[in-house]
Amino acid sequence: RTLQAGKLTEKVLKLFVDTGSEEILALIHSLNIKPILTPVLP
């Protein structure tokens, strides 16, 4: 429902990943959802 509503932000994605649910992690992987990597300037 979060995906359908367009409310999946970086923080919300982390909330779902932090649950450790194998089904959620598999769903995230199957949808090819990846966290945004913020570049770090040297």
PDB file of all heavy atoms in Angstrom:
ATOM      1  N   ARG A   1       0.832  -1.207   0.000  1.00  0.00           N
ATOM      2  CA  ARG A   1       0.000   0.000   0.000  1.00  0.00           C
ATOM      3  C   ARG A   1       0.870   1.263   0.000  1.00  0.00           C
ATOM      4  O   ARG A   1       0.506   2.276  -0.588  1.00  0.00           O
ATOM      5  CB  ARG A   1      -0.930   0.009   1.215  1.00  0.00           C
ATOM      6  CG  ARG A   1      -2.008  -1.059   1.219  1.00  0.00           C
ATOM      7  CD  ARG A   1      -3.145  -0.756   0.271  1.00  0.00           C
ATOM      8  NE  ARG A   1      -3.694   0.561   0.430  1.00  0.00           N
ATOM      9  CZ  ARG A   1      -4.606   0.919   1.333  1.00  0.00           C
ATOM     10  NH1 ARG A   1      -5.086   0.017   2.151  1.00  0.00           N
ATOM     11  NH2 ARG A   1      -5.031   2.163   1.398  1.00  0.00           N
ATOM     12  N   THR A   2       2.025   1.192   0.672  1.00  0.00           N
ATOM     13  CA  THR A   2       2.965   2.319   0.670  1.00  0.00           C
ATOM     14  C   THR A   2       3.473   2.573  -0.738  1.00  0.00           C
ATOM     15  O   THR A   2       3.568   3.724  -1.175  1.00  0.00           O
ATOM     16  CB  THR A   2       4.142   2.040   1.628  1.00  0.00           C
ATOM     17  OG1 THR A   2       3.630   1.799   2.943  1.00  0.00           O
ATOM     18  CG2 THR A   2       5.104   3.201   1.683  1.00  0.00           C
ATOM     19  N   LEU A   3       3.780   1.500  -1.456  1.00  0.00           N
ATOM     20  CA  LEU A   3       4.214   1.642  -2.849  1.00  0.00           C
ATOM     21  C   LEU A   3       3.116   2.249  -3.711  1.00  0.00           C
ATOM     22  O   LEU A   3       3.365   3.156  -4.512  1.00  0.00           O
ATOM     23  CB  LEU A   3       4.612   0.279  -3.426  1.00  0.00           C
ATOM     24  CG  LEU A   3       5.951  -0.286  -2.995  1.00  0.00           C
ATOM     25  CD1 LEU A   3       6.121  -1.688  -3.554  1.00  0.00           C
ATOM     26  CD2 LEU A   3       7.081   0.611  -3.437  1.00  0.00           C
ATOM     27  N   GLN A   4       1.896   1.741  -3.561  1.00  0.00           N
ATOM     28  CA  GLN A   4       0.762   2.241  -4.352  1.00  0.00           C
ATOM     29  C   GLN A   4       0.504   3.718  -4.088  1.00  0.00           C
ATOM     30  O   GLN A   4       0.149   4.461  -5.009  1.00  0.00           O
ATOM     31  CB  GLN A   4      -0.505   1.452  -4.037  1.00  0.00           C
ATOM     32  CG  GLN A   4      -0.518   0.056  -4.586  1.00  0.00           C
ATOM     33  CD  GLN A   4      -1.768  -0.697  -4.152  1.00  0.00           C
ATOM     34  OE1 GLN A   4      -2.410  -0.345  -3.165  1.00  0.00           O
ATOM     35  NE2 GLN A   4      -2.095  -1.739  -4.890  1.00  0.00           N
ATOM     36  N   ALA A   5       0.682   4.133  -2.848  1.00  0.00           N
ATOM     37  CA  ALA A   5       0.418   5.526  -2.482  1.00  0.00           C
ATOM     38  C   ALA A   5       1.580   6.448  -2.843  1.00  0.00           C
ATOM     39  O   ALA A   5       1.465   7.664  -2.723  1.00  0.00           O
ATOM     40  CB  ALA A   5       0.125   5.628  -0.989  1.00  0.00           C
ATOM     41  N   GLY A   6       2.712   5.877  -3.267  1.00  0.00           N
ATOM     42  CA  GLY A   6       3.867   6.695  -3.616  1.00  0.00           C
ATOM     43  C   GLY A   6       4.557   7.302  -2.413  1.00  0.00           C
ATOM     44  O   GLY A   6       5.158   8.363  -2.505  1.00  0.00           O
ATOM     45  N   LYS A   7       4.491   6.625  -1.278  1.00  0.00           N
ATOM     46  CA  LYS A   7       5.072   7.164  -0.044  1.00  0.00           C
ATOM     47  C   LYS A   7       6.357   6.454   0.366  1.00  0.00           C
ATOM     48  O   LYS A   7       6.784   6.595   1.502  1.00  0.00           O
ATOM     49  CB  LYS A   7       4.060   7.075   1.088  1.00  0.00           C
ATOM     50  CG  LYS A   7       2.877   7.986   0.902  1.00  0.00           C
ATOM     51  CD  LYS A   7       2.088   8.095   2.157  1.00  0.00           C
ATOM     52  CE  LYS A   7       1.077   9.200   2.026  1.00  0.00           C
ATOM     53  NZ  LYS A   7       0.592   9.633   3.323  1.00  0.00           N
ATOM     54  N   LEU A   8       6.964   5.721  -0.544  1.00  0.00           N
ATOM     55  CA  LEU A   8       8.196   5.011  -0.199  1.00  0.00           C
ATOM     56  C   LEU A   8       9.381   5.963  -0.337  1.00  0.00           C
ATOM     57  O   LEU A   8       9.875   6.216  -1.427  1.00  0.00           O
ATOM     58  CB  LEU A   8       8.391   3.779  -1.084  1.00  0.00           C
ATOM     59  CG  LEU A   8       9.541   2.875  -0.668  1.00  0.00           C
ATOM     60  CD1 LEU A   8       9.239   2.234   0.688  1.00  0.00           C
ATOM     61  CD2 LEU A   8       9.767   1.800  -1.706  1.00  0.00           C
ATOM     62  N   THR A   9       9.801   6.496   0.789  1.00  0.00           N
ATOM     63  CA  THR A   9      10.973   7.370   0.827  1.00  0.00           C
ATOM     64  C   THR A   9      12.153   6.558   1.348  1.00  0.00           C
ATOM     65  O   THR A   9      12.005   5.399   1.736  1.00  0.00           O
ATOM     66  CB  THR A   9      10.722   8.563   1.767  1.00  0.00           C
ATOM     67  OG1 THR A   9      10.515   8.062   3.090  1.00  0.00           O
ATOM     68  CG2 THR A   9       9.531   9.390   1.319  1.00  0.00           C
ATOM     69  N   GLU A  10      13.300   7.172   1.381  1.00  0.00           N
ATOM     70  CA  GLU A  10      14.497   6.507   1.898  1.00  0.00           C
ATOM     71  C   GLU A  10      14.297   6.076   3.353  1.00  0.00           C
ATOM     72  O   GLU A  10      14.641   4.967   3.740  1.00  0.00           O
ATOM     73  CB  GLU A  10      15.703   7.444   1.779  1.00  0.00           C
ATOM     74  CG  GLU A  10      17.018   6.808   2.128  1.00  0.00           C
ATOM     75  CD  GLU A  10      17.460   5.769   1.129  1.00  0.00           C
ATOM     76  OE1 GLU A  10      17.046   5.830  -0.027  1.00  0.00           O
ATOM     77  OE2 GLU A  10      18.233   4.872   1.529  1.00  0.00           O
ATOM     78  N   LYS A  11      13.725   6.953   4.158  1.00  0.00           N
ATOM     79  CA  LYS A  11      13.489   6.642   5.568  1.00  0.00           C
ATOM     80  C   LYS A  11      12.488   5.496   5.716  1.00  0.00           C
ATOM     81  O   LYS A  11      12.682   4.585   6.524  1.00  0.00           O
ATOM     82  CB  LYS A  11      12.968   7.881   6.292  1.00  0.00           C
ATOM     83  CG  LYS A  11      12.661   7.620   7.750  1.00  0.00           C
ATOM     84  CD  LYS A  11      11.995   8.810   8.409  1.00  0.00           C
ATOM     85  CE  LYS A  11      11.623   8.419   9.830  1.00  0.00           C
ATOM     86  NZ  LYS A  11      10.642   9.279  10.416  1.00  0.00           N
ATOM     87  N   VAL A  12      11.419   5.522   4.947  1.00  0.00           N
ATOM     88  CA  VAL A  12      10.390   4.481   5.026  1.00  0.00           C
ATOM     89  C   VAL A  12      10.956   3.153   4.533  1.00  0.00           C
ATOM     90  O   VAL A  12      10.697   2.101   5.126  1.00  0.00           O
ATOM     91  CB  VAL A  12       9.126   4.900   4.241  1.00  0.00           C
ATOM     92  CG1 VAL A  12       8.119   3.779   4.177  1.00  0.00           C
ATOM     93  CG2 VAL A  12       8.508   6.145   4.865  1.00  0.00           C
ATOM     94  N   LEU A  13      11.759   3.181   3.476  1.00  0.00           N
ATOM     95  CA  LEU A  13      12.397   1.955   2.992  1.00  0.00           C
ATOM     96  C   LEU A  13      13.280   1.356   4.079  1.00  0.00           C
ATOM     97  O   LEU A  13      13.262   0.149   4.308  1.00  0.00           O
ATOM     98  CB  LEU A  13      13.214   2.236   1.731  1.00  0.00           C
ATOM     99  CG  LEU A  13      13.980   1.052   1.149  1.00  0.00           C
ATOM    100  CD1 LEU A  13      13.026  -0.061   0.727  1.00  0.00           C
ATOM    101  CD2 LEU A  13      14.833   1.505  -0.019  1.00  0.00           C
ATOM    102  N   LYS A  14      14.024   2.197   4.768  1.00  0.00           N
ATOM    103  CA  LYS A  14      14.885   1.712   5.852  1.00  0.00           C
ATOM    104  C   LYS A  14      14.056   1.080   6.971  1.00  0.00           C
ATOM    105  O   LYS A  14      14.460   0.073   7.550  1.00  0.00           O
ATOM    106  CB  LYS A  14      15.745   2.857   6.394  1.00  0.00           C
ATOM    107  CG  LYS A  14      16.746   2.432   7.443  1.00  0.00           C
ATOM    108  CD  LYS A  14      17.687   3.551   7.784  1.00  0.00           C
ATOM    109  CE  LYS A  14      18.652   3.266   8.887  1.00  0.00           C
ATOM    110  NZ  LYS A  14      18.720   2.001   9.494  1.00  0.00           N
ATOM    111  N   LEU A  15      12.894   1.650   7.257  1.00  0.00           N
ATOM    112  CA  LEU A  15      12.008   1.061   8.270  1.00  0.00           C
ATOM    113  C   LEU A  15      11.625  -0.370   7.902  1.00  0.00           C
ATOM    114  O   LEU A  15      11.649  -1.269   8.738  1.00  0.00           O
ATOM    115  CB  LEU A  15      10.730   1.886   8.407  1.00  0.00           C
ATOM    116  CG  LEU A  15      10.771   3.155   9.214  1.00  0.00           C
ATOM    117  CD1 LEU A  15       9.436   3.882   9.112  1.00  0.00           C
ATOM    118  CD2 LEU A  15      11.096   2.867  10.653  1.00  0.00           C
ATOM    119  N   PHE A  16      11.269  -0.569   6.635  1.00  0.00           N
ATOM    120  CA  PHE A  16      10.871  -1.904   6.183  1.00  0.00           C
ATOM    121  C   PHE A  16      12.068  -2.852   6.155  1.00  0.00           C
ATOM    122  O   PHE A  16      11.946  -4.011   6.552  1.00  0.00           O
ATOM    123  CB  PHE A  16      10.199  -1.841   4.814  1.00  0.00           C
ATOM    124  CG  PHE A  16       8.784  -1.348   4.871  1.00  0.00           C
ATOM    125  CD1 PHE A  16       8.456  -0.073   4.450  1.00  0.00           C
ATOM    126  CD2 PHE A  16       7.768  -2.161   5.340  1.00  0.00           C
ATOM    127  CE1 PHE A  16       7.150   0.381   4.492  1.00  0.00           C
ATOM    128  CE2 PHE A  16       6.456  -1.720   5.399  1.00  0.00           C
ATOM    129  CZ  PHE A  16       6.147  -0.440   4.976  1.00  0.00           C
ATOM    130  N   VAL A  17      13.212  -2.380   5.722  1.00  0.00           N
ATOM    131  CA  VAL A  17      14.407  -3.226   5.678  1.00  0.00           C
ATOM    132  C   VAL A  17      14.835  -3.622   7.089  1.00  0.00           C
ATOM    133  O   VAL A  17      15.213  -4.766   7.335  1.00  0.00           O
ATOM    134  CB  VAL A  17      15.562  -2.500   4.939  1.00  0.00           C
ATOM    135  CG1 VAL A  17      16.872  -3.233   5.097  1.00  0.00           C
ATOM    136  CG2 VAL A  17      15.223  -2.342   3.456  1.00  0.00           C
ATOM    137  N   ASP A  18      14.740  -2.687   8.019  1.00  0.00           N
ATOM    138  CA  ASP A  18      15.156  -2.943   9.397  1.00  0.00           C
ATOM    139  C   ASP A  18      14.283  -3.968  10.128  1.00  0.00           C
ATOM    140  O   ASP A  18      14.667  -4.445  11.194  1.00  0.00           O
ATOM    141  CB  ASP A  18      15.205  -1.643  10.203  1.00  0.00           C
ATOM    142  CG  ASP A  18      16.367  -0.756   9.801  1.00  0.00           C
ATOM    143  OD1 ASP A  18      17.272  -1.244   9.086  1.00  0.00           O
ATOM    144  OD2 ASP A  18      16.370   0.426  10.195  1.00  0.00           O
ATOM    145  N   THR A  19      13.120  -4.299   9.569  1.00  0.00           N
ATOM    146  CA  THR A  19      12.292  -5.329  10.201  1.00  0.00           C
ATOM    147  C   THR A  19      12.948  -6.697  10.087  1.00  0.00           C
ATOM    148  O   THR A  19      12.691  -7.577  10.898  1.00  0.00           O
ATOM    149  CB  THR A  19      10.894  -5.402   9.569  1.00  0.00           C
ATOM    150  OG1 THR A  19      11.003  -5.802   8.206  1.00  0.00           O
ATOM    151  CG2 THR A  19      10.154  -4.092   9.701  1.00  0.00           C
ATOM    152  N   GLY A  20      13.790  -6.874   9.067  1.00  0.00           N
ATOM    153  CA  GLY A  20      14.454  -8.155   8.868  1.00  0.00           C
ATOM    154  C   GLY A  20      13.548  -9.224   8.284  1.00  0.00           C
ATOM    155  O   GLY A  20      13.938 -10.389   8.192  1.00  0.00           O
ATOM    156  N   SER A  21      12.363  -8.848   7.854  1.00  0.00           N
ATOM    157  CA  SER A  21      11.423  -9.791   7.271  1.00  0.00           C
ATOM    158  C   SER A  21      11.961 -10.300   5.931  1.00  0.00           C
ATOM    159  O   SER A  21      12.227  -9.515   5.016  1.00  0.00           O
ATOM    160  CB  SER A  21      10.060  -9.123   7.065  1.00  0.00           C
ATOM    161  OG  SER A  21       9.224  -9.918   6.266  1.00  0.00           O
ATOM    162  N   GLU A  22      12.119 -11.606   5.828  1.00  0.00           N
ATOM    163  CA  GLU A  22      12.637 -12.188   4.587  1.00  0.00           C
ATOM    164  C   GLU A  22      11.710 -11.915   3.413  1.00  0.00           C
ATOM    165  O   GLU A  22      12.167 -11.703   2.287  1.00  0.00           O
ATOM    166  CB  GLU A  22      12.849 -13.686   4.760  1.00  0.00           C
ATOM    167  CG  GLU A  22      13.997 -14.028   5.688  1.00  0.00           C
ATOM    168  CD  GLU A  22      14.221 -15.527   5.799  1.00  0.00           C
ATOM    169  OE1 GLU A  22      13.782 -16.273   4.908  1.00  0.00           O
ATOM    170  OE2 GLU A  22      14.843 -15.929   6.790  1.00  0.00           O
ATOM    171  N   GLU A  23      10.400 -11.916   3.656  1.00  0.00           N
ATOM    172  CA  GLU A  23       9.441 -11.657   2.582  1.00  0.00           C
ATOM    173  C   GLU A  23       9.540 -10.222   2.081  1.00  0.00           C
ATOM    174  O   GLU A  23       9.483  -9.974   0.878  1.00  0.00           O
ATOM    175  CB  GLU A  23       8.026 -11.971   3.060  1.00  0.00           C
ATOM    176  CG  GLU A  23       7.816 -13.446   3.358  1.00  0.00           C
ATOM    177  CD  GLU A  23       6.479 -13.722   4.016  1.00  0.00           C
ATOM    178  OE1 GLU A  23       5.687 -12.785   4.211  1.00  0.00           O
ATOM    179  OE2 GLU A  23       6.242 -14.894   4.339  1.00  0.00           O
ATOM    180  N   ILE A  24       9.709  -9.284   3.000  1.00  0.00           N
ATOM    181  CA  ILE A  24       9.858  -7.877   2.598  1.00  0.00           C
ATOM    182  C   ILE A  24      11.163  -7.688   1.841  1.00  0.00           C
ATOM    183  O   ILE A  24      11.200  -7.032   0.801  1.00  0.00           O
ATOM    184  CB  ILE A  24       9.800  -6.946   3.830  1.00  0.00           C
ATOM    185  CG1 ILE A  24       8.395  -6.915   4.422  1.00  0.00           C
ATOM    186  CG2 ILE A  24      10.258  -5.538   3.486  1.00  0.00           C
ATOM    187  CD1 ILE A  24       7.348  -6.241   3.568  1.00  0.00           C
ATOM    188  N   LEU A  25      12.250  -8.283   2.346  1.00  0.00           N
ATOM    189  CA  LEU A  25      13.542  -8.158   1.669  1.00  0.00           C
ATOM    190  C   LEU A  25      13.497  -8.779   0.280  1.00  0.00           C
ATOM    191  O   LEU A  25      14.057  -8.228  -0.675  1.00  0.00           O
ATOM    192  CB  LEU A  25      14.642  -8.792   2.519  1.00  0.00           C
ATOM    193  CG  LEU A  25      14.907  -8.111   3.872  1.00  0.00           C
ATOM    194  CD1 LEU A  25      15.929  -8.899   4.673  1.00  0.00           C
ATOM    195  CD2 LEU A  25      15.337  -6.675   3.685  1.00  0.00           C
ATOM    196  N   ALA A  26      12.821  -9.921   0.137  1.00  0.00           N
ATOM    197  CA  ALA A  26      12.688 -10.571  -1.170  1.00  0.00           C
ATOM    198  C   ALA A  26      11.858  -9.703  -2.108  1.00  0.00           C
ATOM    199  O   ALA A  26      12.171  -9.588  -3.301  1.00  0.00           O
ATOM    200  CB  ALA A  26      12.068 -11.946  -1.014  1.00  0.00           C
ATOM    201  N   LEU A  27      10.809  -9.084  -1.588  1.00  0.00           N
ATOM    202  CA  LEU A  27       9.964  -8.212  -2.404  1.00  0.00           C
ATOM    203  C   LEU A  27      10.744  -6.981  -2.864  1.00  0.00           C
ATOM    204  O   LEU A  27      10.659  -6.585  -4.029  1.00  0.00           O
ATOM    205  CB  LEU A  27       8.734  -7.800  -1.595  1.00  0.00           C
ATOM    206  CG  LEU A  27       7.614  -7.087  -2.314  1.00  0.00           C
ATOM    207  CD1 LEU A  27       7.110  -7.886  -3.500  1.00  0.00           C
ATOM    208  CD2 LEU A  27       6.479  -6.805  -1.356  1.00  0.00           C
ATOM    209  N   ILE A  28      11.520  -6.405  -1.971  1.00  0.00           N
ATOM    210  CA  ILE A  28      12.352  -5.249  -2.327  1.00  0.00           C
ATOM    211  C   ILE A  28      13.357  -5.644  -3.409  1.00  0.00           C
ATOM    212  O   ILE A  28      13.558  -4.918  -4.383  1.00  0.00           O
ATOM    213  CB  ILE A  28      13.056  -4.679  -1.070  1.00  0.00           C
ATOM    214  CG1 ILE A  28      12.033  -4.023  -0.153  1.00  0.00           C
ATOM    215  CG2 ILE A  28      14.156  -3.690  -1.446  1.00  0.00           C
ATOM    216  CD1 ILE A  28      12.575  -3.639   1.215  1.00  0.00           C
ATOM    217  N   HIS A  29      13.969  -6.810  -3.236  1.00  0.00           N
ATOM    218  CA  HIS A  29      14.947  -7.289  -4.216  1.00  0.00           C
ATOM    219  C   HIS A  29      14.279  -7.582  -5.562  1.00  0.00           C
ATOM    220  O   HIS A  29      14.816  -7.222  -6.618  1.00  0.00           O
ATOM    221  CB  HIS A  29      15.653  -8.533  -3.683  1.00  0.00           C
ATOM    222  CG  HIS A  29      16.684  -9.082  -4.611  1.00  0.00           C
ATOM    223  ND1 HIS A  29      17.887  -8.442  -4.834  1.00  0.00           N
ATOM    224  CD2 HIS A  29      16.689 -10.191  -5.395  1.00  0.00           C
ATOM    225  CE1 HIS A  29      18.585  -9.138  -5.720  1.00  0.00           C
ATOM    226  NE2 HIS A  29      17.876 -10.201  -6.062  1.00  0.00           N
ATOM    227  N   SER A  30      13.105  -8.205  -5.543  1.00  0.00           N
ATOM    228  CA  SER A  30      12.427  -8.552  -6.793  1.00  0.00           C
ATOM    229  C   SER A  30      11.957  -7.317  -7.556  1.00  0.00           C
ATOM    230  O   SER A  30      11.882  -7.325  -8.778  1.00  0.00           O
ATOM    231  CB  SER A  30      11.250  -9.493  -6.538  1.00  0.00           C
ATOM    232  OG  SER A  30      10.208  -8.810  -5.877  1.00  0.00           O
ATOM    233  N   LEU A  31      11.647  -6.251  -6.835  1.00  0.00           N
ATOM    234  CA  LEU A  31      11.240  -5.000  -7.472  1.00  0.00           C
ATOM    235  C   LEU A  31      12.434  -4.117  -7.818  1.00  0.00           C
ATOM    236  O   LEU A  31      12.261  -3.015  -8.353  1.00  0.00           O
ATOM    237  CB  LEU A  31      10.269  -4.241  -6.563  1.00  0.00           C
ATOM    238  CG  LEU A  31       8.917  -4.922  -6.323  1.00  0.00           C
ATOM    239  CD1 LEU A  31       8.126  -4.178  -5.262  1.00  0.00           C
ATOM    240  CD2 LEU A  31       8.129  -5.017  -7.615  1.00  0.00           C
ATOM    241  N   ASN A  32      13.629  -4.601  -7.489  1.00  0.00           N
ATOM    242  CA  ASN A  32      14.882  -3.893  -7.773  1.00  0.00           C
ATOM    243  C   ASN A  32      14.900  -2.500  -7.131  1.00  0.00           C
ATOM    244  O   ASN A  32      15.347  -1.528  -7.740  1.00  0.00           O
ATOM    245  CB  ASN A  32      15.138  -3.804  -9.283  1.00  0.00           C
ATOM    246  CG  ASN A  32      16.587  -3.561  -9.586  1.00  0.00           C
ATOM    247  OD1 ASN A  32      17.465  -3.868  -8.780  1.00  0.00           O
ATOM    248  ND2 ASN A  32      16.866  -3.000 -10.751  1.00  0.00           N
ATOM    249  N   ILE A  33      14.410  -2.427  -5.906  1.00  0.00           N
ATOM    250  CA  ILE A  33      14.425  -1.167  -5.153  1.00  0.00           C
ATOM    251  C   ILE A  33      15.744  -1.109  -4.402  1.00  0.00           C
ATOM    252  O   ILE A  33      16.085  -2.023  -3.660  1.00  0.00           O
ATOM    253  CB  ILE A  33      13.245  -1.102  -4.170  1.00  0.00           C
ATOM    254  CG1 ILE A  33      11.929  -1.145  -4.934  1.00  0.00           C
ATOM    255  CG2 ILE A  33      13.337   0.151  -3.315  1.00  0.00           C
ATOM    256  CD1 ILE A  33      10.711  -1.258  -4.043  1.00  0.00           C
ATOM    257  N   LYS A  34      16.460  -0.029  -4.607  1.00  0.00           N
ATOM    258  CA  LYS A  34      17.758   0.131  -3.965  1.00  0.00           C
ATOM    259  C   LYS A  34      17.799   1.466  -3.233  1.00  0.00           C
ATOM    260  O   LYS A  34      17.221   2.446  -3.691  1.00  0.00           O
ATOM    261  CB  LYS A  34      18.875   0.087  -5.002  1.00  0.00           C
ATOM    262  CG  LYS A  34      18.953  -1.250  -5.700  1.00  0.00           C
ATOM    263  CD  LYS A  34      20.046  -1.271  -6.719  1.00  0.00           C
ATOM    264  CE  LYS A  34      20.030  -2.633  -7.396  1.00  0.00           C
ATOM    265  NZ  LYS A  34      20.934  -2.719  -8.499  1.00  0.00           N
ATOM    266  N   PRO A  35      18.479   1.496  -2.099  1.00  0.00           N
ATOM    267  CA  PRO A  35      18.594   2.772  -1.379  1.00  0.00           C
ATOM    268  C   PRO A  35      19.432   3.760  -2.182  1.00  0.00           C
ATOM    269  O   PRO A  35      20.303   3.373  -2.972  1.00  0.00           O
ATOM    270  CB  PRO A  35      19.288   2.399  -0.073  1.00  0.00           C
ATOM    271  CG  PRO A  35      19.932   1.081  -0.322  1.00  0.00           C
ATOM    272  CD  PRO A  35      19.146   0.406  -1.411  1.00  0.00           C
ATOM    273  N   ILE A  36      19.139   5.012  -1.985  1.00  0.00           N
ATOM    274  CA  ILE A  36      19.892   6.067  -2.657  1.00  0.00           C
ATOM    275  C   ILE A  36      21.226   6.225  -1.950  1.00  0.00           C
ATOM    276  O   ILE A  36      21.281   6.391  -0.730  1.00  0.00           O
ATOM    277  CB  ILE A  36      19.127   7.398  -2.630  1.00  0.00           C
ATOM    278  CG1 ILE A  36      17.803   7.247  -3.379  1.00  0.00           C
ATOM    279  CG2 ILE A  36      19.957   8.522  -3.223  1.00  0.00           C
ATOM    280  CD1 ILE A  36      16.880   8.430  -3.221  1.00  0.00           C
ATOM    281  N   LEU A  37      22.283   6.150  -2.699  1.00  0.00           N
ATOM    282  CA  LEU A  37      23.612   6.323  -2.122  1.00  0.00           C
ATOM    283  C   LEU A  37      24.032   7.766  -2.305  1.00  0.00           C
ATOM    284  O   LEU A  37      24.170   8.254  -3.424  1.00  0.00           O
ATOM    285  CB  LEU A  37      24.614   5.382  -2.795  1.00  0.00           C
ATOM    286  CG  LEU A  37      24.299   3.890  -2.664  1.00  0.00           C
ATOM    287  CD1 LEU A  37      25.301   3.073  -3.458  1.00  0.00           C
ATOM    288  CD2 LEU A  37      24.312   3.477  -1.210  1.00  0.00           C
ATOM    289  N   THR A  38      24.225   8.443  -1.213  1.00  0.00           N
ATOM    290  CA  THR A  38      24.657   9.833  -1.250  1.00  0.00           C
ATOM    291  C   THR A  38      26.171   9.863  -1.438  1.00  0.00           C
ATOM    292  O   THR A  38      26.898   9.264  -0.638  1.00  0.00           O
ATOM    293  CB  THR A  38      24.279  10.549   0.054  1.00  0.00           C
ATOM    294  OG1 THR A  38      22.881  10.384   0.275  1.00  0.00           O
ATOM    295  CG2 THR A  38      24.616  12.020  -0.016  1.00  0.00           C
ATOM    296  N   PRO A  39      26.632  10.519  -2.484  1.00  0.00           N
ATOM    297  CA  PRO A  39      28.077  10.554  -2.696  1.00  0.00           C
ATOM    298  C   PRO A  39      28.786  11.338  -1.594  1.00  0.00           C
ATOM    299  O   PRO A  39      28.266  12.324  -1.080  1.00  0.00           O
ATOM    300  CB  PRO A  39      28.231  11.262  -4.043  1.00  0.00           C
ATOM    301  CG  PRO A  39      26.962  11.995  -4.244  1.00  0.00           C
ATOM    302  CD  PRO A  39      25.895  11.279  -3.472  1.00  0.00           C
ATOM    303  N   VAL A  40      29.945  10.855  -1.246  1.00  0.00           N
ATOM    304  CA  VAL A  40      30.761  11.521  -0.238  1.00  0.00           C
ATOM    305  C   VAL A  40      31.959  12.119  -0.949  1.00  0.00           C
ATOM    306  O   VAL A  40      32.713  11.414  -1.613  1.00  0.00           O
ATOM    307  CB  VAL A  40      31.220  10.527   0.853  1.00  0.00           C
ATOM    308  CG1 VAL A  40      32.109  11.222   1.860  1.00  0.00           C
ATOM    309  CG2 VAL A  40      30.026   9.890   1.517  1.00  0.00           C
ATOM    310  N   LEU A  41      32.097  13.406  -0.823  1.00  0.00           N
ATOM    311  CA  LEU A  41      33.216  14.078  -1.456  1.00  0.00           C
ATOM    312  C   LEU A  41      34.470  13.882  -0.615  1.00  0.00           C
ATOM    313  O   LEU A  41      34.417  13.980   0.618  1.00  0.00           O
ATOM    314  CB  LEU A  41      32.928  15.569  -1.609  1.00  0.00           C
ATOM    315  CG  LEU A  41      31.740  15.910  -2.506  1.00  0.00           C
ATOM    316  CD1 LEU A  41      31.469  17.400  -2.455  1.00  0.00           C
ATOM    317  CD2 LEU A  41      31.989  15.457  -3.924  1.00  0.00           C
ATOM    318  N   PRO A  42      35.561  13.590  -1.246  1.00  0.00           N
ATOM    319  CA  PRO A  42      36.798  13.399  -0.488  1.00  0.00           C
ATOM    320  C   PRO A  42      37.241  14.710   0.156  1.00  0.00           C
ATOM    321  O   PRO A  42      37.053  15.793  -0.414  1.00  0.00           O
ATOM    322  CB  PRO A  42      37.810  12.916  -1.518  1.00  0.00           C
ATOM    323  CG  PRO A  42      37.254  13.335  -2.826  1.00  0.00           C
ATOM    324  CD  PRO A  42      35.760  13.411  -2.674  1.00  0.00           C
TER     325      PRO A  42
END
